[in-house]
Amino acid sequence: MQKKALLILIAFIGIVNFGFSQNAVKTVKLEQTPGEFTVKSLTLSAGTYQFEIANNAVDHEVGFVLAPEGKPQQEHHIKEAYVTETVKPGKAVLTSEVTLAKGEYIYFCPMNPTPQYKLTVN
């Protein structure tokens, strides 16, 4: 009886751990250089992400904006995708966790400034 209970407990823990690992937050690393991001487009699966924004040789602080495609105005920005603090030269900063549904998005930095790049979520 104790063996059966132990096997059930082990199976339950395995299922719970598998469920949590399926929902793990993924980190997307993006680098800014003067006037541009080095990654010009992204394709991701629907899910939860944190973006790590690195400032490589931009001589001032930079940021990160993510918005639905065609809606770059501030009222449409996905606020959770803002970096938690501006990114100083030679440093990298994470955003908060962002859950992205299927669709088309843009990302850019108005502080650098950069073009708007396409992010597709399947």
PDB file of N, CA and C in Angstrom:
ATOM      1  N   MET A   1       0.817  -1.192   0.000  1.00  0.00           N
ATOM      2  CA  MET A   1       0.000   0.000   0.000  1.00  0.00           C
ATOM      3  C   MET A   1       0.869   1.267   0.000  1.00  0.00           C
ATOM      4  N   GLN A   2       1.953   1.262   0.799  1.00  0.00           N
ATOM      5  CA  GLN A   2       2.837   2.431   0.840  1.00  0.00           C
ATOM      6  C   GLN A   2       3.534   2.620  -0.506  1.00  0.00           C
ATOM      7  N   LYS A   3       3.896   1.518  -1.179  1.00  0.00           N
ATOM      8  CA  LYS A   3       4.536   1.627  -2.489  1.00  0.00           C
ATOM      9  C   LYS A   3       3.586   2.280  -3.490  1.00  0.00           C
ATOM     10  N   LYS A   4       2.308   1.871  -3.448  1.00  0.00           N
ATOM     11  CA  LYS A   4       1.320   2.420  -4.369  1.00  0.00           C
ATOM     12  C   LYS A   4       1.131   3.923  -4.115  1.00  0.00           C
ATOM     13  N   ALA A   5       1.049   4.322  -2.864  1.00  0.00           N
ATOM     14  CA  ALA A   5       0.897   5.737  -2.513  1.00  0.00           C
ATOM     15  C   ALA A   5       2.130   6.524  -2.964  1.00  0.00           C
ATOM     16  N   LEU A   6       3.308   5.957  -2.788  1.00  0.00           N
ATOM     17  CA  LEU A   6       4.551   6.612  -3.196  1.00  0.00           C
ATOM     18  C   LEU A   6       4.593   6.772  -4.717  1.00  0.00           C
ATOM     19  N   LEU A   7       4.188   5.756  -5.455  1.00  0.00           N
ATOM     20  CA  LEU A   7       4.155   5.840  -6.918  1.00  0.00           C
ATOM     21  C   LEU A   7       3.165   6.907  -7.389  1.00  0.00           C
ATOM     22  N   ILE A   8       2.009   6.986  -6.743  1.00  0.00           N
ATOM     23  CA  ILE A   8       1.024   8.004  -7.100  1.00  0.00           C
ATOM     24  C   ILE A   8       1.585   9.399  -6.827  1.00  0.00           C
ATOM     25  N   LEU A   9       2.252   9.571  -5.697  1.00  0.00           N
ATOM     26  CA  LEU A   9       2.855  10.861  -5.351  1.00  0.00           C
ATOM     27  C   LEU A   9       3.929  11.248  -6.362  1.00  0.00           C
ATOM     28  N   ILE A  10       4.776  10.320  -6.740  1.00  0.00           N
ATOM     29  CA  ILE A  10       5.839  10.599  -7.717  1.00  0.00           C
ATOM     30  C   ILE A  10       5.222  10.981  -9.062  1.00  0.00           C
ATOM     31  N   ALA A  11       4.193  10.255  -9.483  1.00  0.00           N
ATOM     32  CA  ALA A  11       3.524  10.565 -10.753  1.00  0.00           C
ATOM     33  C   ALA A  11       2.907  11.966 -10.699  1.00  0.00           C
ATOM     34  N   PHE A  12       2.266  12.304  -9.577  1.00  0.00           N
ATOM     35  CA  PHE A  12       1.647  13.618  -9.426  1.00  0.00           C
ATOM     36  C   PHE A  12       2.691  14.728  -9.513  1.00  0.00           C
ATOM     37  N   ILE A  13       3.800  14.558  -8.836  1.00  0.00           N
ATOM     38  CA  ILE A  13       4.871  15.567  -8.864  1.00  0.00           C
ATOM     39  C   ILE A  13       5.407  15.721 -10.282  1.00  0.00           C
ATOM     40  N   GLY A  14       5.567  14.622 -10.991  1.00  0.00           N
ATOM     41  CA  GLY A  14       6.033  14.683 -12.379  1.00  0.00           C
ATOM     42  C   GLY A  14       5.078  15.449 -13.271  1.00  0.00           C
ATOM     43  N   ILE A  15       3.783  15.211 -13.099  1.00  0.00           N
ATOM     44  CA  ILE A  15       2.780  15.911 -13.902  1.00  0.00           C
ATOM     45  C   ILE A  15       2.778  17.395 -13.577  1.00  0.00           C
ATOM     46  N   VAL A  16       2.840  17.748 -12.313  1.00  0.00           N
ATOM     47  CA  VAL A  16       2.863  19.158 -11.910  1.00  0.00           C
ATOM     48  C   VAL A  16       4.104  19.839 -12.465  1.00  0.00           C
ATOM     49  N   ASN A  17       5.260  19.211 -12.333  1.00  0.00           N
ATOM     50  CA  ASN A  17       6.495  19.803 -12.847  1.00  0.00           C
ATOM     51  C   ASN A  17       6.451  19.947 -14.360  1.00  0.00           C
ATOM     52  N   PHE A  18       5.899  18.970 -15.054  1.00  0.00           N
ATOM     53  CA  PHE A  18       5.771  19.056 -16.508  1.00  0.00           C
ATOM     54  C   PHE A  18       4.877  20.236 -16.884  1.00  0.00           C
ATOM     55  N   GLY A  19       3.789  20.409 -16.175  1.00  0.00           N
ATOM     56  CA  GLY A  19       2.884  21.528 -16.437  1.00  0.00           C
ATOM     57  C   GLY A  19       3.560  22.860 -16.243  1.00  0.00           C
ATOM     58  N   PHE A  20       4.331  22.999 -15.183  1.00  0.00           N
ATOM     59  CA  PHE A  20       5.034  24.254 -14.942  1.00  0.00           C
ATOM     60  C   PHE A  20       6.100  24.497 -15.997  1.00  0.00           C
ATOM     61  N   SER A  21       6.802  23.450 -16.420  1.00  0.00           N
ATOM     62  CA  SER A  21       7.853  23.647 -17.414  1.00  0.00           C
ATOM     63  C   SER A  21       7.265  24.054 -18.756  1.00  0.00           C
ATOM     64  N   GLN A  22       6.021  23.657 -19.053  1.00  0.00           N
ATOM     65  CA  GLN A  22       5.375  24.041 -20.298  1.00  0.00           C
ATOM     66  C   GLN A  22       5.025  25.530 -20.299  1.00  0.00           C
ATOM     67  N   ASN A  23       4.839  26.108 -19.126  1.00  0.00           N
ATOM     68  CA  ASN A  23       4.446  27.510 -19.015  1.00  0.00           C
ATOM     69  C   ASN A  23       5.612  28.414 -18.635  1.00  0.00           C
ATOM     70  N   ALA A  24       6.818  27.923 -18.781  1.00  0.00           N
ATOM     71  CA  ALA A  24       7.990  28.686 -18.373  1.00  0.00           C
ATOM     72  C   ALA A  24       8.115  29.967 -19.198  1.00  0.00           C
ATOM     73  N   VAL A  25       8.596  30.998 -18.565  1.00  0.00           N
ATOM     74  CA  VAL A  25       8.837  32.270 -19.238  1.00  0.00           C
ATOM     75  C   VAL A  25      10.109  32.129 -20.070  1.00  0.00           C
ATOM     76  N   LYS A  26      10.013  32.546 -21.316  1.00  0.00           N
ATOM     77  CA  LYS A  26      11.169  32.483 -22.211  1.00  0.00           C
ATOM     78  C   LYS A  26      11.772  33.887 -22.312  1.00  0.00           C
ATOM     79  N   THR A  27      13.086  33.958 -22.446  1.00  0.00           N
ATOM     80  CA  THR A  27      13.777  35.235 -22.580  1.00  0.00           C
ATOM     81  C   THR A  27      14.216  35.429 -24.024  1.00  0.00           C
ATOM     82  N   VAL A  28      13.903  36.596 -24.566  1.00  0.00           N
ATOM     83  CA  VAL A  28      14.320  36.973 -25.911  1.00  0.00           C
ATOM     84  C   VAL A  28      15.349  38.086 -25.765  1.00  0.00           C
ATOM     85  N   LYS A  29      16.557  37.842 -26.259  1.00  0.00           N
ATOM     86  CA  LYS A  29      17.627  38.832 -26.145  1.00  0.00           C
ATOM     87  C   LYS A  29      17.689  39.671 -27.421  1.00  0.00           C
ATOM     88  N   LEU A  30      17.638  40.988 -27.236  1.00  0.00           N
ATOM     89  CA  LEU A  30      17.735  41.923 -28.345  1.00  0.00           C
ATOM     90  C   LEU A  30      18.822  42.940 -28.044  1.00  0.00           C
ATOM     91  N   GLU A  31      19.597  43.264 -29.057  1.00  0.00           N
ATOM     92  CA  GLU A  31      20.710  44.193 -28.902  1.00  0.00           C
ATOM     93  C   GLU A  31      20.466  45.433 -29.760  1.00  0.00           C
ATOM     94  N   GLN A  32      20.709  46.600 -29.161  1.00  0.00           N
ATOM     95  CA  GLN A  32      20.637  47.853 -29.908  1.00  0.00           C
ATOM     96  C   GLN A  32      22.039  48.383 -30.141  1.00  0.00           C
ATOM     97  N   THR A  33      22.267  48.815 -31.370  1.00  0.00           N
ATOM     98  CA  THR A  33      23.472  49.550 -31.748  1.00  0.00           C
ATOM     99  C   THR A  33      22.986  50.924 -32.225  1.00  0.00           C
ATOM    100  N   PRO A  34      23.871  51.853 -32.514  1.00  0.00           N
ATOM    101  CA  PRO A  34      23.393  53.188 -32.908  1.00  0.00           C
ATOM    102  C   PRO A  34      22.370  53.136 -34.050  1.00  0.00           C
ATOM    103  N   GLY A  35      21.156  53.567 -33.769  1.00  0.00           N
ATOM    104  CA  GLY A  35      20.114  53.691 -34.767  1.00  0.00           C
ATOM    105  C   GLY A  35      19.388  52.429 -35.186  1.00  0.00           C
ATOM    106  N   GLU A  36      19.698  51.276 -34.561  1.00  0.00           N
ATOM    107  CA  GLU A  36      19.022  50.052 -34.988  1.00  0.00           C
ATOM    108  C   GLU A  36      19.115  48.927 -33.960  1.00  0.00           C
ATOM    109  N   PHE A  37      18.221  47.951 -34.113  1.00  0.00           N
ATOM    110  CA  PHE A  37      18.329  46.670 -33.424  1.00  0.00           C
ATOM    111  C   PHE A  37      19.099  45.737 -34.354  1.00  0.00           C
ATOM    112  N   THR A  38      19.885  44.834 -33.809  1.00  0.00           N
ATOM    113  CA  THR A  38      20.615  43.896 -34.656  1.00  0.00           C
ATOM    114  C   THR A  38      19.702  42.795 -35.192  1.00  0.00           C
ATOM    115  N   VAL A  39      18.615  42.478 -34.487  1.00  0.00           N
ATOM    116  CA  VAL A  39      17.615  41.524 -34.958  1.00  0.00           C
ATOM    117  C   VAL A  39      16.512  42.333 -35.628  1.00  0.00           C
ATOM    118  N   LYS A  40      16.304  42.111 -36.925  1.00  0.00           N
ATOM    119  CA  LYS A  40      15.388  42.937 -37.715  1.00  0.00           C
ATOM    120  C   LYS A  40      13.949  42.429 -37.733  1.00  0.00           C
ATOM    121  N   SER A  41      13.716  41.185 -37.323  1.00  0.00           N
ATOM    122  CA  SER A  41      12.359  40.657 -37.212  1.00  0.00           C
ATOM    123  C   SER A  41      12.403  39.421 -36.325  1.00  0.00           C
ATOM    124  N   LEU A  42      11.265  39.102 -35.730  1.00  0.00           N
ATOM    125  CA  LEU A  42      11.157  37.943 -34.838  1.00  0.00           C
ATOM    126  C   LEU A  42       9.885  37.175 -35.147  1.00  0.00           C
ATOM    127  N   THR A  43       9.959  35.858 -34.980  1.00  0.00           N
ATOM    128  CA  THR A  43       8.771  35.009 -35.013  1.00  0.00           C
ATOM    129  C   THR A  43       8.806  34.167 -33.753  1.00  0.00           C
ATOM    130  N   LEU A  44       7.756  34.262 -32.943  1.00  0.00           N
ATOM    131  CA  LEU A  44       7.660  33.552 -31.678  1.00  0.00           C
ATOM    132  C   LEU A  44       6.361  32.763 -31.632  1.00  0.00           C
ATOM    133  N   SER A  45       6.310  31.788 -30.748  1.00  0.00           N
ATOM    134  CA  SER A  45       5.067  31.084 -30.458  1.00  0.00           C
ATOM    135  C   SER A  45       4.311  31.877 -29.401  1.00  0.00           C
ATOM    136  N   ALA A  46       2.993  31.739 -29.399  1.00  0.00           N
ATOM    137  CA  ALA A  46       2.207  32.388 -28.348  1.00  0.00           C
ATOM    138  C   ALA A  46       2.718  31.915 -26.997  1.00  0.00           C
ATOM    139  N   GLY A  47       2.830  32.809 -26.048  1.00  0.00           N
ATOM    140  CA  GLY A  47       3.329  32.442 -24.729  1.00  0.00           C
ATOM    141  C   GLY A  47       3.795  33.650 -23.950  1.00  0.00           C
ATOM    142  N   THR A  48       4.512  33.371 -22.869  1.00  0.00           N
ATOM    143  CA  THR A  48       4.972  34.424 -21.964  1.00  0.00           C
ATOM    144  C   THR A  48       6.475  34.615 -22.141  1.00  0.00           C
ATOM    145  N   TYR A  49       6.862  35.865 -22.274  1.00  0.00           N
ATOM    146  CA  TYR A  49       8.253  36.228 -22.564  1.00  0.00           C
ATOM    147  C   TYR A  49       8.716  37.372 -21.676  1.00  0.00           C
ATOM    148  N   GLN A  50      10.029  37.451 -21.546  1.00  0.00           N
ATOM    149  CA  GLN A  50      10.717  38.638 -21.044  1.00  0.00           C
ATOM    150  C   GLN A  50      11.707  39.002 -22.129  1.00  0.00           C
ATOM    151  N   PHE A  51      11.827  40.273 -22.402  1.00  0.00           N
ATOM    152  CA  PHE A  51      12.799  40.732 -23.383  1.00  0.00           C
ATOM    153  C   PHE A  51      13.993  41.310 -22.633  1.00  0.00           C
ATOM    154  N   GLU A  52      15.171  40.888 -23.032  1.00  0.00           N
ATOM    155  CA  GLU A  52      16.409  41.442 -22.470  1.00  0.00           C
ATOM    156  C   GLU A  52      16.989  42.372 -23.529  1.00  0.00           C
ATOM    157  N   ILE A  53      17.047  43.647 -23.201  1.00  0.00           N
ATOM    158  CA  ILE A  53      17.497  44.659 -24.140  1.00  0.00           C
ATOM    159  C   ILE A  53      18.911  45.088 -23.757  1.00  0.00           C
ATOM    160  N   ALA A  54      19.838  44.939 -24.702  1.00  0.00           N
ATOM    161  CA  ALA A  54      21.239  45.309 -24.474  1.00  0.00           C
ATOM    162  C   ALA A  54      21.573  46.565 -25.266  1.00  0.00           C
ATOM    163  N   ASN A  55      22.345  47.443 -24.657  1.00  0.00           N
ATOM    164  CA  ASN A  55      22.810  48.675 -25.287  1.00  0.00           C
ATOM    165  C   ASN A  55      24.270  48.473 -25.668  1.00  0.00           C
ATOM    166  N   ASN A  56      24.523  48.273 -26.963  1.00  0.00           N
ATOM    167  CA  ASN A  56      25.878  48.035 -27.444  1.00  0.00           C
ATOM    168  C   ASN A  56      26.340  49.247 -28.253  1.00  0.00           C
ATOM    169  N   ALA A  57      27.076  50.124 -27.599  1.00  0.00           N
ATOM    170  CA  ALA A  57      27.738  51.265 -28.233  1.00  0.00           C
ATOM    171  C   ALA A  57      26.816  52.422 -28.595  1.00  0.00           C
ATOM    172  N   VAL A  58      25.592  52.431 -28.095  1.00  0.00           N
ATOM    173  CA  VAL A  58      24.765  53.638 -28.233  1.00  0.00           C
ATOM    174  C   VAL A  58      25.230  54.568 -27.108  1.00  0.00           C
ATOM    175  N   ASP A  59      25.564  55.790 -27.436  1.00  0.00           N
ATOM    176  CA  ASP A  59      26.209  56.666 -26.453  1.00  0.00           C
ATOM    177  C   ASP A  59      25.257  57.327 -25.460  1.00  0.00           C
ATOM    178  N   HIS A  60      24.030  56.812 -25.376  1.00  0.00           N
ATOM    179  CA  HIS A  60      23.066  57.298 -24.393  1.00  0.00           C
ATOM    180  C   HIS A  60      22.134  56.145 -24.025  1.00  0.00           C
ATOM    181  N   GLU A  61      21.267  56.382 -23.058  1.00  0.00           N
ATOM    182  CA  GLU A  61      20.359  55.335 -22.612  1.00  0.00           C
ATOM    183  C   GLU A  61      19.314  55.028 -23.681  1.00  0.00           C
ATOM    184  N   VAL A  62      18.889  53.760 -23.716  1.00  0.00           N
ATOM    185  CA  VAL A  62      17.878  53.321 -24.682  1.00  0.00           C
ATOM    186  C   VAL A  62      16.734  52.633 -23.946  1.00  0.00           C
ATOM    187  N   GLY A  63      15.679  52.334 -24.688  1.00  0.00           N
ATOM    188  CA  GLY A  63      14.522  51.660 -24.121  1.00  0.00           C
ATOM    189  C   GLY A  63      13.994  50.610 -25.077  1.00  0.00           C
ATOM    190  N   PHE A  64      12.717  50.257 -24.929  1.00  0.00           N
ATOM    191  CA  PHE A  64      12.096  49.230 -25.762  1.00  0.00           C
ATOM    192  C   PHE A  64      10.593  49.441 -25.750  1.00  0.00           C
ATOM    193  N   VAL A  65       9.997  49.431 -26.941  1.00  0.00           N
ATOM    194  CA  VAL A  65       8.550  49.549 -27.078  1.00  0.00           C
ATOM    195  C   VAL A  65       8.055  48.372 -27.903  1.00  0.00           C
ATOM    196  N   LEU A  66       6.977  47.754 -27.447  1.00  0.00           N
ATOM    197  CA  LEU A  66       6.287  46.694 -28.173  1.00  0.00           C
ATOM    198  C   LEU A  66       4.831  47.106 -28.281  1.00  0.00           C
ATOM    199  N   ALA A  67       4.266  47.013 -29.488  1.00  0.00           N
ATOM    200  CA  ALA A  67       2.880  47.440 -29.712  1.00  0.00           C
ATOM    201  C   ALA A  67       2.274  46.600 -30.824  1.00  0.00           C
ATOM    202  N   PRO A  68       0.944  46.541 -30.878  1.00  0.00           N
ATOM    203  CA  PRO A  68       0.303  45.863 -32.010  1.00  0.00           C
ATOM    204  C   PRO A  68       0.727  46.535 -33.314  1.00  0.00           C
ATOM    205  N   GLU A  69       0.884  45.744 -34.374  1.00  0.00           N
ATOM    206  CA  GLU A  69       1.300  46.302 -35.661  1.00  0.00           C
ATOM    207  C   GLU A  69       0.329  47.394 -36.108  1.00  0.00           C
ATOM    208  N   GLY A  70       0.895  48.482 -36.610  1.00  0.00           N
ATOM    209  CA  GLY A  70       0.087  49.597 -37.084  1.00  0.00           C
ATOM    210  C   GLY A  70      -0.378  50.543 -35.992  1.00  0.00           C
ATOM    211  N   LYS A  71       0.029  50.280 -34.747  1.00  0.00           N
ATOM    212  CA  LYS A  71      -0.406  51.118 -33.630  1.00  0.00           C
ATOM    213  C   LYS A  71       0.788  51.532 -32.759  1.00  0.00           C
ATOM    214  N   PRO A  72       1.709  52.329 -33.309  1.00  0.00           N
ATOM    215  CA  PRO A  72       2.898  52.708 -32.542  1.00  0.00           C
ATOM    216  C   PRO A  72       2.653  53.783 -31.490  1.00  0.00           C
ATOM    217  N   GLN A  73       1.451  54.374 -31.487  1.00  0.00           N
ATOM    218  CA  GLN A  73       1.169  55.453 -30.546  1.00  0.00           C
ATOM    219  C   GLN A  73       1.236  54.940 -29.105  1.00  0.00           C
ATOM    220  N   GLN A  74       1.636  55.821 -28.206  1.00  0.00           N
ATOM    221  CA  GLN A  74       1.875  55.461 -26.818  1.00  0.00           C
ATOM    222  C   GLN A  74       0.677  54.782 -26.159  1.00  0.00           C
ATOM    223  N   GLU A  75      -0.543  55.185 -26.488  1.00  0.00           N
ATOM    224  CA  GLU A  75      -1.708  54.578 -25.832  1.00  0.00           C
ATOM    225  C   GLU A  75      -1.876  53.098 -26.206  1.00  0.00           C
ATOM    226  N   HIS A  76      -1.187  52.631 -27.234  1.00  0.00           N
ATOM    227  CA  HIS A  76      -1.275  51.228 -27.643  1.00  0.00           C
ATOM    228  C   HIS A  76      -0.067  50.395 -27.189  1.00  0.00           C
ATOM    229  N   HIS A  77       0.933  51.034 -26.597  1.00  0.00           N
ATOM    230  CA  HIS A  77       2.124  50.298 -26.149  1.00  0.00           C
ATOM    231  C   HIS A  77       1.734  49.224 -25.144  1.00  0.00           C
ATOM    232  N   ILE A  78       2.417  48.106 -25.211  1.00  0.00           N
ATOM    233  CA  ILE A  78       2.240  47.044 -24.217  1.00  0.00           C
ATOM    234  C   ILE A  78       3.172  47.388 -23.063  1.00  0.00           C
ATOM    235  N   LYS A  79       2.607  47.965 -22.025  1.00  0.00           N
ATOM    236  CA  LYS A  79       3.400  48.556 -20.935  1.00  0.00           C
ATOM    237  C   LYS A  79       4.303  47.530 -20.240  1.00  0.00           C
ATOM    238  N   GLU A  80       3.861  46.260 -20.142  1.00  0.00           N
ATOM    239  CA  GLU A  80       4.692  45.226 -19.504  1.00  0.00           C
ATOM    240  C   GLU A  80       5.981  44.993 -20.288  1.00  0.00           C
ATOM    241  N   ALA A  81       6.002  45.398 -21.554  1.00  0.00           N
ATOM    242  CA  ALA A  81       7.190  45.182 -22.383  1.00  0.00           C
ATOM    243  C   ALA A  81       8.209  46.315 -22.251  1.00  0.00           C
ATOM    244  N   TYR A  82       7.878  47.357 -21.519  1.00  0.00           N
ATOM    245  CA  TYR A  82       8.879  48.385 -21.267  1.00  0.00           C
ATOM    246  C   TYR A  82       9.991  47.788 -20.406  1.00  0.00           C
ATOM    247  N   VAL A  83      11.227  48.215 -20.626  1.00  0.00           N
ATOM    248  CA  VAL A  83      12.305  47.788 -19.741  1.00  0.00           C
ATOM    249  C   VAL A  83      12.039  48.358 -18.350  1.00  0.00           C
ATOM    250  N   THR A  84      12.523  47.667 -17.336  1.00  0.00           N
ATOM    251  CA  THR A  84      12.256  48.093 -15.961  1.00  0.00           C
ATOM    252  C   THR A  84      13.029  49.365 -15.599  1.00  0.00           C
ATOM    253  N   GLU A  85      14.047  49.680 -16.368  1.00  0.00           N
ATOM    254  CA  GLU A  85      14.784  50.941 -16.260  1.00  0.00           C
ATOM    255  C   GLU A  85      15.467  51.175 -17.598  1.00  0.00           C
ATOM    256  N   THR A  86      15.783  52.421 -17.924  1.00  0.00           N
ATOM    257  CA  THR A  86      16.458  52.664 -19.192  1.00  0.00           C
ATOM    258  C   THR A  86      17.801  51.943 -19.201  1.00  0.00           C
ATOM    259  N   VAL A  87      18.242  51.592 -20.410  1.00  0.00           N
ATOM    260  CA  VAL A  87      19.441  50.755 -20.562  1.00  0.00           C
ATOM    261  C   VAL A  87      20.643  51.636 -20.860  1.00  0.00           C
ATOM    262  N   LYS A  88      21.572  51.672 -19.928  1.00  0.00           N
ATOM    263  CA  LYS A  88      22.778  52.472 -20.074  1.00  0.00           C
ATOM    264  C   LYS A  88      23.748  51.796 -21.057  1.00  0.00           C
ATOM    265  N   PRO A  89      24.654  52.565 -21.659  1.00  0.00           N
ATOM    266  CA  PRO A  89      25.631  51.975 -22.580  1.00  0.00           C
ATOM    267  C   PRO A  89      26.395  50.819 -21.923  1.00  0.00           C
ATOM    268  N   GLY A  90      26.520  49.729 -22.661  1.00  0.00           N
ATOM    269  CA  GLY A  90      27.245  48.559 -22.170  1.00  0.00           C
ATOM    270  C   GLY A  90      26.462  47.679 -21.211  1.00  0.00           C
ATOM    271  N   LYS A  91      25.209  47.990 -20.954  1.00  0.00           N
ATOM    272  CA  LYS A  91      24.390  47.228 -20.001  1.00  0.00           C
ATOM    273  C   LYS A  91      23.231  46.543 -20.718  1.00  0.00           C
ATOM    274  N   ALA A  92      22.547  45.657 -20.001  1.00  0.00           N
ATOM    275  CA  ALA A  92      21.335  44.997 -20.493  1.00  0.00           C
ATOM    276  C   ALA A  92      20.302  45.008 -19.372  1.00  0.00           C
ATOM    277  N   VAL A  93      19.036  45.165 -19.736  1.00  0.00           N
ATOM    278  CA  VAL A  93      17.942  45.230 -18.767  1.00  0.00           C
ATOM    279  C   VAL A  93      16.781  44.386 -19.282  1.00  0.00           C
ATOM    280  N   LEU A  94      16.092  43.724 -18.359  1.00  0.00           N
ATOM    281  CA  LEU A  94      14.920  42.915 -18.700  1.00  0.00           C
ATOM    282  C   LEU A  94      13.636  43.738 -18.635  1.00  0.00           C
ATOM    283  N   THR A  95      12.648  43.283 -19.394  1.00  0.00           N
ATOM    284  CA  THR A  95      11.298  43.811 -19.262  1.00  0.00           C
ATOM    285  C   THR A  95      10.582  42.978 -18.208  1.00  0.00           C
ATOM    286  N   SER A  96       9.373  43.362 -17.867  1.00  0.00           N
ATOM    287  CA  SER A  96       8.514  42.494 -17.062  1.00  0.00           C
ATOM    288  C   SER A  96       8.061  41.344 -17.955  1.00  0.00           C
ATOM    289  N   GLU A  97       7.327  40.398 -17.387  1.00  0.00           N
ATOM    290  CA  GLU A  97       6.800  39.287 -18.178  1.00  0.00           C
ATOM    291  C   GLU A  97       5.662  39.792 -19.060  1.00  0.00           C
ATOM    292  N   VAL A  98       5.656  39.357 -20.312  1.00  0.00           N
ATOM    293  CA  VAL A  98       4.667  39.772 -21.294  1.00  0.00           C
ATOM    294  C   VAL A  98       4.053  38.521 -21.913  1.00  0.00           C
ATOM    295  N   THR A  99       2.736  38.390 -21.848  1.00  0.00           N
ATOM    296  CA  THR A  99       2.073  37.270 -22.498  1.00  0.00           C
ATOM    297  C   THR A  99       1.582  37.736 -23.862  1.00  0.00           C
ATOM    298  N   LEU A 100       2.077  37.060 -24.905  1.00  0.00           N
ATOM    299  CA  LEU A 100       1.751  37.444 -26.273  1.00  0.00           C
ATOM    300  C   LEU A 100       0.816  36.427 -26.910  1.00  0.00           C
ATOM    301  N   ALA A 101      -0.281  36.915 -27.452  1.00  0.00           N
ATOM    302  CA  ALA A 101      -1.229  36.088 -28.198  1.00  0.00           C
ATOM    303  C   ALA A 101      -0.834  36.116 -29.676  1.00  0.00           C
ATOM    304  N   LYS A 102      -1.403  35.208 -30.452  1.00  0.00           N
ATOM    305  CA  LYS A 102      -1.148  35.191 -31.889  1.00  0.00           C
ATOM    306  C   LYS A 102      -1.474  36.553 -32.475  1.00  0.00           C
ATOM    307  N   GLY A 103      -0.614  36.996 -33.386  1.00  0.00           N
ATOM    308  CA  GLY A 103      -0.851  38.276 -34.033  1.00  0.00           C
ATOM    309  C   GLY A 103       0.435  38.903 -34.520  1.00  0.00           C
ATOM    310  N   GLU A 104       0.308  40.116 -35.005  1.00  0.00           N
ATOM    311  CA  GLU A 104       1.445  40.874 -35.525  1.00  0.00           C
ATOM    312  C   GLU A 104       1.712  42.056 -34.594  1.00  0.00           C
ATOM    313  N   TYR A 105       2.983  42.268 -34.293  1.00  0.00           N
ATOM    314  CA  TYR A 105       3.408  43.339 -33.400  1.00  0.00           C
ATOM    315  C   TYR A 105       4.569  44.078 -34.057  1.00  0.00           C
ATOM    316  N   ILE A 106       4.909  45.215 -33.480  1.00  0.00           N
ATOM    317  CA  ILE A 106       6.121  45.936 -33.862  1.00  0.00           C
ATOM    318  C   ILE A 106       6.935  46.195 -32.601  1.00  0.00           C
ATOM    319  N   TYR A 107       8.242  46.298 -32.769  1.00  0.00           N
ATOM    320  CA  TYR A 107       9.105  46.723 -31.664  1.00  0.00           C
ATOM    321  C   TYR A 107      10.064  47.780 -32.187  1.00  0.00           C
ATOM    322  N   PHE A 108      10.429  48.696 -31.295  1.00  0.00           N
ATOM    323  CA  PHE A 108      11.309  49.799 -31.672  1.00  0.00           C
ATOM    324  C   PHE A 108      11.794  50.506 -30.420  1.00  0.00           C
ATOM    325  N   CYS A 109      12.713  51.434 -30.622  1.00  0.00           N
ATOM    326  CA  CYS A 109      13.181  52.283 -29.524  1.00  0.00           C
ATOM    327  C   CYS A 109      13.104  53.734 -29.966  1.00  0.00           C
ATOM    328  N   PRO A 110      12.219  54.514 -29.337  1.00  0.00           N
ATOM    329  CA  PRO A 110      12.136  55.930 -29.690  1.00  0.00           C
ATOM    330  C   PRO A 110      13.306  56.752 -29.160  1.00  0.00           C
ATOM    331  N   MET A 111      14.057  56.190 -28.217  1.00  0.00           N
ATOM    332  CA  MET A 111      15.170  56.925 -27.616  1.00  0.00           C
ATOM    333  C   MET A 111      16.453  56.808 -28.435  1.00  0.00           C
ATOM    334  N   ASN A 112      16.572  55.745 -29.240  1.00  0.00           N
ATOM    335  CA  ASN A 112      17.806  55.491 -29.990  1.00  0.00           C
ATOM    336  C   ASN A 112      17.941  56.428 -31.188  1.00  0.00           C
ATOM    337  N   PRO A 113      16.995  56.761 -31.990  1.00  0.00           N
ATOM    338  CA  PRO A 113      15.777  56.039 -32.357  1.00  0.00           C
ATOM    339  C   PRO A 113      16.061  54.971 -33.416  1.00  0.00           C
ATOM    340  N   THR A 114      15.156  53.994 -33.497  1.00  0.00           N
ATOM    341  CA  THR A 114      15.299  52.891 -34.452  1.00  0.00           C
ATOM    342  C   THR A 114      14.078  52.831 -35.361  1.00  0.00           C
ATOM    343  N   PRO A 115      14.186  52.099 -36.480  1.00  0.00           N
ATOM    344  CA  PRO A 115      12.981  51.806 -37.263  1.00  0.00           C
ATOM    345  C   PRO A 115      12.049  50.911 -36.451  1.00  0.00           C
ATOM    346  N   GLN A 116      10.856  50.677 -36.969  1.00  0.00           N
ATOM    347  CA  GLN A 116       9.925  49.725 -36.375  1.00  0.00           C
ATOM    348  C   GLN A 116      10.166  48.364 -37.025  1.00  0.00           C
ATOM    349  N   TYR A 117      10.339  47.350 -36.182  1.00  0.00           N
ATOM    350  CA  TYR A 117      10.601  45.993 -36.664  1.00  0.00           C
ATOM    351  C   TYR A 117       9.401  45.106 -36.391  1.00  0.00           C
ATOM    352  N   LYS A 118       9.233  44.062 -37.196  1.00  0.00           N
ATOM    353  CA  LYS A 118       8.065  43.183 -37.104  1.00  0.00           C
ATOM    354  C   LYS A 118       8.324  42.002 -36.165  1.00  0.00           C
ATOM    355  N   LEU A 119       7.352  41.732 -35.310  1.00  0.00           N
ATOM    356  CA  LEU A 119       7.344  40.551 -34.431  1.00  0.00           C
ATOM    357  C   LEU A 119       6.054  39.803 -34.727  1.00  0.00           C
ATOM    358  N   THR A 120       6.176  38.566 -35.188  1.00  0.00           N
ATOM    359  CA  THR A 120       5.019  37.742 -35.498  1.00  0.00           C
ATOM    360  C   THR A 120       4.882  36.671 -34.435  1.00  0.00           C
ATOM    361  N   VAL A 121       3.683  36.514 -33.901  1.00  0.00           N
ATOM    362  CA  VAL A 121       3.412  35.463 -32.909  1.00  0.00           C
ATOM    363  C   VAL A 121       2.448  34.469 -33.549  1.00  0.00           C
ATOM    364  N   ASN A 122       2.897  33.207 -33.628  1.00  0.00           N
ATOM    365  CA  ASN A 122       2.088  32.133 -34.212  1.00  0.00           C
ATOM    366  C   ASN A 122       1.323  31.405 -33.143  1.00  0.00           C
TER     367      ASN A 122
END
